[in-house]
Amino acid sequence: KVAPVEVFTYDSAQGIVPERRFGRFLFLVLGTTGFLSGLMMFTVLISRGTSPIQAGSILFLILGVFLLPTGFIAWQDANRVSRIDEELPMFLRALGSVAGAARVTLTEALRRIDLNSLRYLRTPVERLRVRLESQLSPNESWESFRKETGSELASRTTSMFIDGVEVGCAPGEIGELCSEYAQNITEMRAKR
């Protein structure tokens, strides 16, 4: 089986989540330091008569050890994004259903949604609600939400949802469609 390459994380024009920024910083610092340390060891081993294959193995071993913290941070970030993506269909369906059934704005619908069932999306959704209640720009508020989640799937589905509502689609219908799309993507990922 071969799966196409999928962009999993979202990097906003406004910036990226702090954990991802720190991981990239560590990658640059520790990767460079590890490579230079490995290169010095490689040079020392070659000058002492060690075979190039053994010296090269030591170089890659040192580089790998230096990159372990970066890999751990990337693994944690991928798990966080994956869990956000699993909660996303439920959030979109609830938001669309509440806004459609009560015939209220998305800001009011966000007030009415019970966030206790959302473990990983709770904080970004609460921040989104506060921004929208404070009457900040809806586009910037939703973009901040996308940035905070760091999820490409959240970016795509919330963009579709907001665009659909803005052009006059029924929030319940568009919420259901976006939720179904997000659910299909997460199910396909689980099958891989």
Protein backbone atom coordinates (compact mmCIF):
# COMPACT_ATOMS: atom_id res chain seq x y z
CA LYS A 1 0.00 0.00 0.00
CA VAL A 2 1.13 3.49 -0.79
CA ALA A 3 -0.50 6.59 0.64
CA PRO A 4 -0.04 10.06 -0.83
CA VAL A 5 1.86 12.60 1.18
CA GLU A 6 -0.48 14.51 3.45
CA VAL A 7 0.25 17.80 5.15
CA PHE A 8 -0.60 17.08 8.77
CA THR A 9 0.35 20.30 10.55
CA TYR A 10 -0.60 23.89 9.83
CA ASP A 11 1.85 26.77 9.92
CA SER A 12 -0.03 30.04 9.85
CA ALA A 13 1.27 33.26 8.36
CA GLN A 14 0.80 34.65 11.91
CA GLY A 15 3.31 32.13 13.26
CA ILE A 16 3.40 28.62 14.64
CA VAL A 17 2.61 27.02 17.96
CA PRO A 18 5.39 27.60 20.53
CA GLU A 19 6.21 23.89 20.90
CA ARG A 20 6.79 23.54 17.17
CA ARG A 21 8.91 26.71 17.10
CA PHE A 22 11.02 25.35 19.98
CA GLY A 23 11.38 21.99 18.21
CA ARG A 24 12.60 23.68 15.03
CA PHE A 25 15.03 25.78 17.03
CA LEU A 26 16.37 22.65 18.72
CA PHE A 27 16.66 20.93 15.36
CA LEU A 28 18.85 23.72 14.02
CA VAL A 29 21.00 24.03 17.13
CA LEU A 30 21.32 20.37 18.09
CA GLY A 31 21.45 19.15 14.49
CA THR A 32 24.31 21.48 13.67
CA THR A 33 26.10 20.72 16.93
CA GLY A 34 25.60 16.98 16.48
CA PHE A 35 26.83 17.05 12.90
CA LEU A 36 29.93 19.08 13.79
CA SER A 37 30.69 16.85 16.78
CA GLY A 38 30.24 13.76 14.63
CA LEU A 39 32.43 15.25 11.92
CA MET A 40 35.19 15.97 14.45
CA MET A 41 34.97 12.39 15.76
CA PHE A 42 34.96 11.09 12.18
CA THR A 43 38.14 13.04 11.44
CA VAL A 44 39.84 11.82 14.62
CA LEU A 45 38.89 8.19 13.94
CA ILE A 46 40.06 8.34 10.30
CA SER A 47 43.39 9.85 11.37
CA ARG A 48 43.86 6.94 13.81
CA GLY A 49 43.31 4.36 11.09
CA THR A 50 39.68 3.42 11.67
CA SER A 51 37.79 2.29 8.57
CA PRO A 52 35.62 4.95 6.95
CA ILE A 53 32.53 2.78 7.44
CA GLN A 54 33.05 2.53 11.20
CA ALA A 55 33.91 6.23 11.47
CA GLY A 56 30.81 7.13 9.41
CA SER A 57 28.68 4.95 11.68
CA ILE A 58 29.96 6.86 14.71
CA LEU A 59 29.20 10.17 12.96
CA PHE A 60 25.56 9.14 12.38
CA LEU A 61 25.26 7.72 15.89
CA ILE A 62 26.36 11.03 17.41
CA LEU A 63 24.03 12.97 15.11
CA GLY A 64 21.13 10.70 16.05
CA VAL A 65 21.74 11.12 19.78
CA PHE A 66 21.82 14.90 19.40
CA LEU A 67 18.54 14.85 17.45
CA LEU A 68 16.63 12.68 19.97
CA PRO A 69 15.10 15.65 21.87
CA THR A 70 13.89 17.17 18.60
CA GLY A 71 12.31 13.88 17.58
CA PHE A 72 10.57 13.61 20.95
CA ILE A 73 9.11 17.12 20.63
CA ALA A 74 7.96 16.40 17.06
CA TRP A 75 6.34 13.14 18.24
CA GLN A 76 4.47 14.99 21.02
CA ASP A 77 3.31 17.66 18.56
CA ALA A 78 2.08 15.03 16.09
CA ASN A 79 0.12 13.29 18.87
CA ARG A 80 -1.43 16.60 19.97
CA VAL A 81 -2.50 17.46 16.41
CA SER A 82 -3.86 13.94 15.91
CA ARG A 83 -6.01 14.21 19.03
CA ILE A 84 -7.26 17.64 17.97
CA ASP A 85 -8.20 16.18 14.58
CA GLU A 86 -10.15 13.39 16.31
CA GLU A 87 -12.23 15.94 18.26
CA LEU A 88 -12.77 18.24 15.29
CA PRO A 89 -15.77 16.45 13.68
CA MET A 90 -17.71 16.56 16.95
CA PHE A 91 -16.94 20.28 17.40
CA LEU A 92 -17.98 21.22 13.84
CA ARG A 93 -21.18 19.18 14.02
CA ALA A 94 -22.11 20.73 17.39
CA LEU A 95 -21.31 24.28 16.27
CA GLY A 96 -23.35 23.92 13.07
CA SER A 97 -26.25 22.21 14.85
CA VAL A 98 -26.50 24.82 17.60
CA ALA A 99 -26.18 27.75 15.20
CA GLY A 100 -28.73 26.23 12.81
CA ALA A 101 -31.29 25.01 15.33
CA ALA A 102 -31.26 28.14 17.48
CA ARG A 103 -30.79 30.46 14.48
CA VAL A 104 -27.99 32.34 16.23
CA THR A 105 -24.60 33.64 15.17
CA LEU A 106 -21.52 31.45 15.43
CA THR A 107 -20.34 33.54 18.39
CA GLU A 108 -23.55 32.82 20.27
CA ALA A 109 -23.38 29.16 19.25
CA LEU A 110 -19.86 28.97 20.70
CA ARG A 111 -21.27 30.29 24.00
CA ARG A 112 -23.93 27.58 24.05
CA ILE A 113 -21.70 24.60 23.23
CA ASP A 114 -20.70 22.39 26.17
CA LEU A 115 -16.91 22.21 25.99
CA ASN A 116 -16.52 19.53 28.67
CA SER A 117 -16.37 16.80 26.03
CA LEU A 118 -13.47 18.54 24.24
CA ARG A 119 -10.18 17.82 25.92
CA TYR A 120 -7.69 19.06 23.34
CA LEU A 121 -9.83 21.62 21.54
CA ARG A 122 -11.26 23.23 24.68
CA THR A 123 -8.59 25.93 25.13
CA PRO A 124 -8.44 27.04 21.47
CA VAL A 125 -12.27 27.10 21.30
CA GLU A 126 -12.53 29.16 24.50
CA ARG A 127 -9.97 31.63 23.16
CA LEU A 128 -11.86 31.82 19.86
CA ARG A 129 -15.11 32.53 21.71
CA VAL A 130 -13.46 35.30 23.78
CA ARG A 131 -12.00 36.91 20.66
CA LEU A 132 -15.33 36.83 18.84
CA GLU A 133 -17.23 38.15 21.89
CA SER A 134 -14.70 40.97 22.13
CA GLN A 135 -15.70 41.84 18.57
CA LEU A 136 -12.24 41.33 17.13
CA SER A 137 -12.07 40.64 13.42
CA PRO A 138 -13.76 37.27 12.75
CA ASN A 139 -11.21 36.40 10.06
CA GLU A 140 -8.29 37.10 12.39
CA SER A 141 -10.02 35.31 15.27
CA TRP A 142 -10.54 32.16 13.23
CA GLU A 143 -6.99 32.35 11.87
CA SER A 144 -5.68 32.55 15.43
CA PHE A 145 -7.77 29.47 16.24
CA ARG A 146 -6.20 27.63 13.29
CA LYS A 147 -2.74 28.70 14.40
CA GLU A 148 -3.32 27.56 17.98
CA THR A 149 -4.51 24.13 16.90
CA GLY A 150 -1.60 23.72 14.48
CA SER A 151 -3.75 21.30 12.48
CA GLU A 152 -4.05 21.43 8.71
CA LEU A 153 -7.36 19.57 8.93
CA ALA A 154 -8.71 22.16 11.38
CA SER A 155 -7.56 24.91 9.03
CA ARG A 156 -9.25 23.35 6.00
CA THR A 157 -12.53 22.45 7.68
CA THR A 158 -13.00 25.69 9.60
CA SER A 159 -12.24 27.67 6.43
CA MET A 160 -14.88 25.66 4.55
CA PHE A 161 -17.33 26.08 7.43
CA ILE A 162 -16.87 29.86 7.73
CA ASP A 163 -16.94 30.38 3.95
CA GLY A 164 -20.13 28.32 3.70
CA VAL A 165 -21.87 30.24 6.47
CA GLU A 166 -20.77 33.59 4.99
CA VAL A 167 -22.28 32.78 1.58
CA GLY A 168 -25.59 31.84 3.17
CA CYS A 169 -25.54 28.07 3.65
CA ALA A 170 -27.47 26.71 6.59
CA PRO A 171 -25.01 26.31 9.50
CA GLY A 172 -26.44 22.90 10.37
CA GLU A 173 -25.90 21.60 6.84
CA ILE A 174 -22.42 23.02 6.37
CA GLY A 175 -21.43 21.88 9.87
CA GLU A 176 -22.56 18.35 9.01
CA LEU A 177 -20.64 18.38 5.69
CA CYS A 178 -17.45 19.71 7.28
CA SER A 179 -17.79 17.27 10.15
CA GLU A 180 -18.23 14.36 7.76
CA TYR A 181 -15.18 15.47 5.76
CA ALA A 182 -13.05 15.70 8.92
CA GLN A 183 -14.34 12.32 10.12
CA ASN A 184 -13.47 10.69 6.78
CA ILE A 185 -9.95 12.08 6.90
CA THR A 186 -9.36 10.89 10.48
CA GLU A 187 -10.75 7.43 9.63
CA MET A 188 -8.48 7.16 6.59
CA ARG A 189 -5.49 8.14 8.74
CA ALA A 190 -6.43 5.47 11.29
CA LYS A 191 -6.48 2.81 8.56
CA ARG A 192 -2.90 3.58 7.52
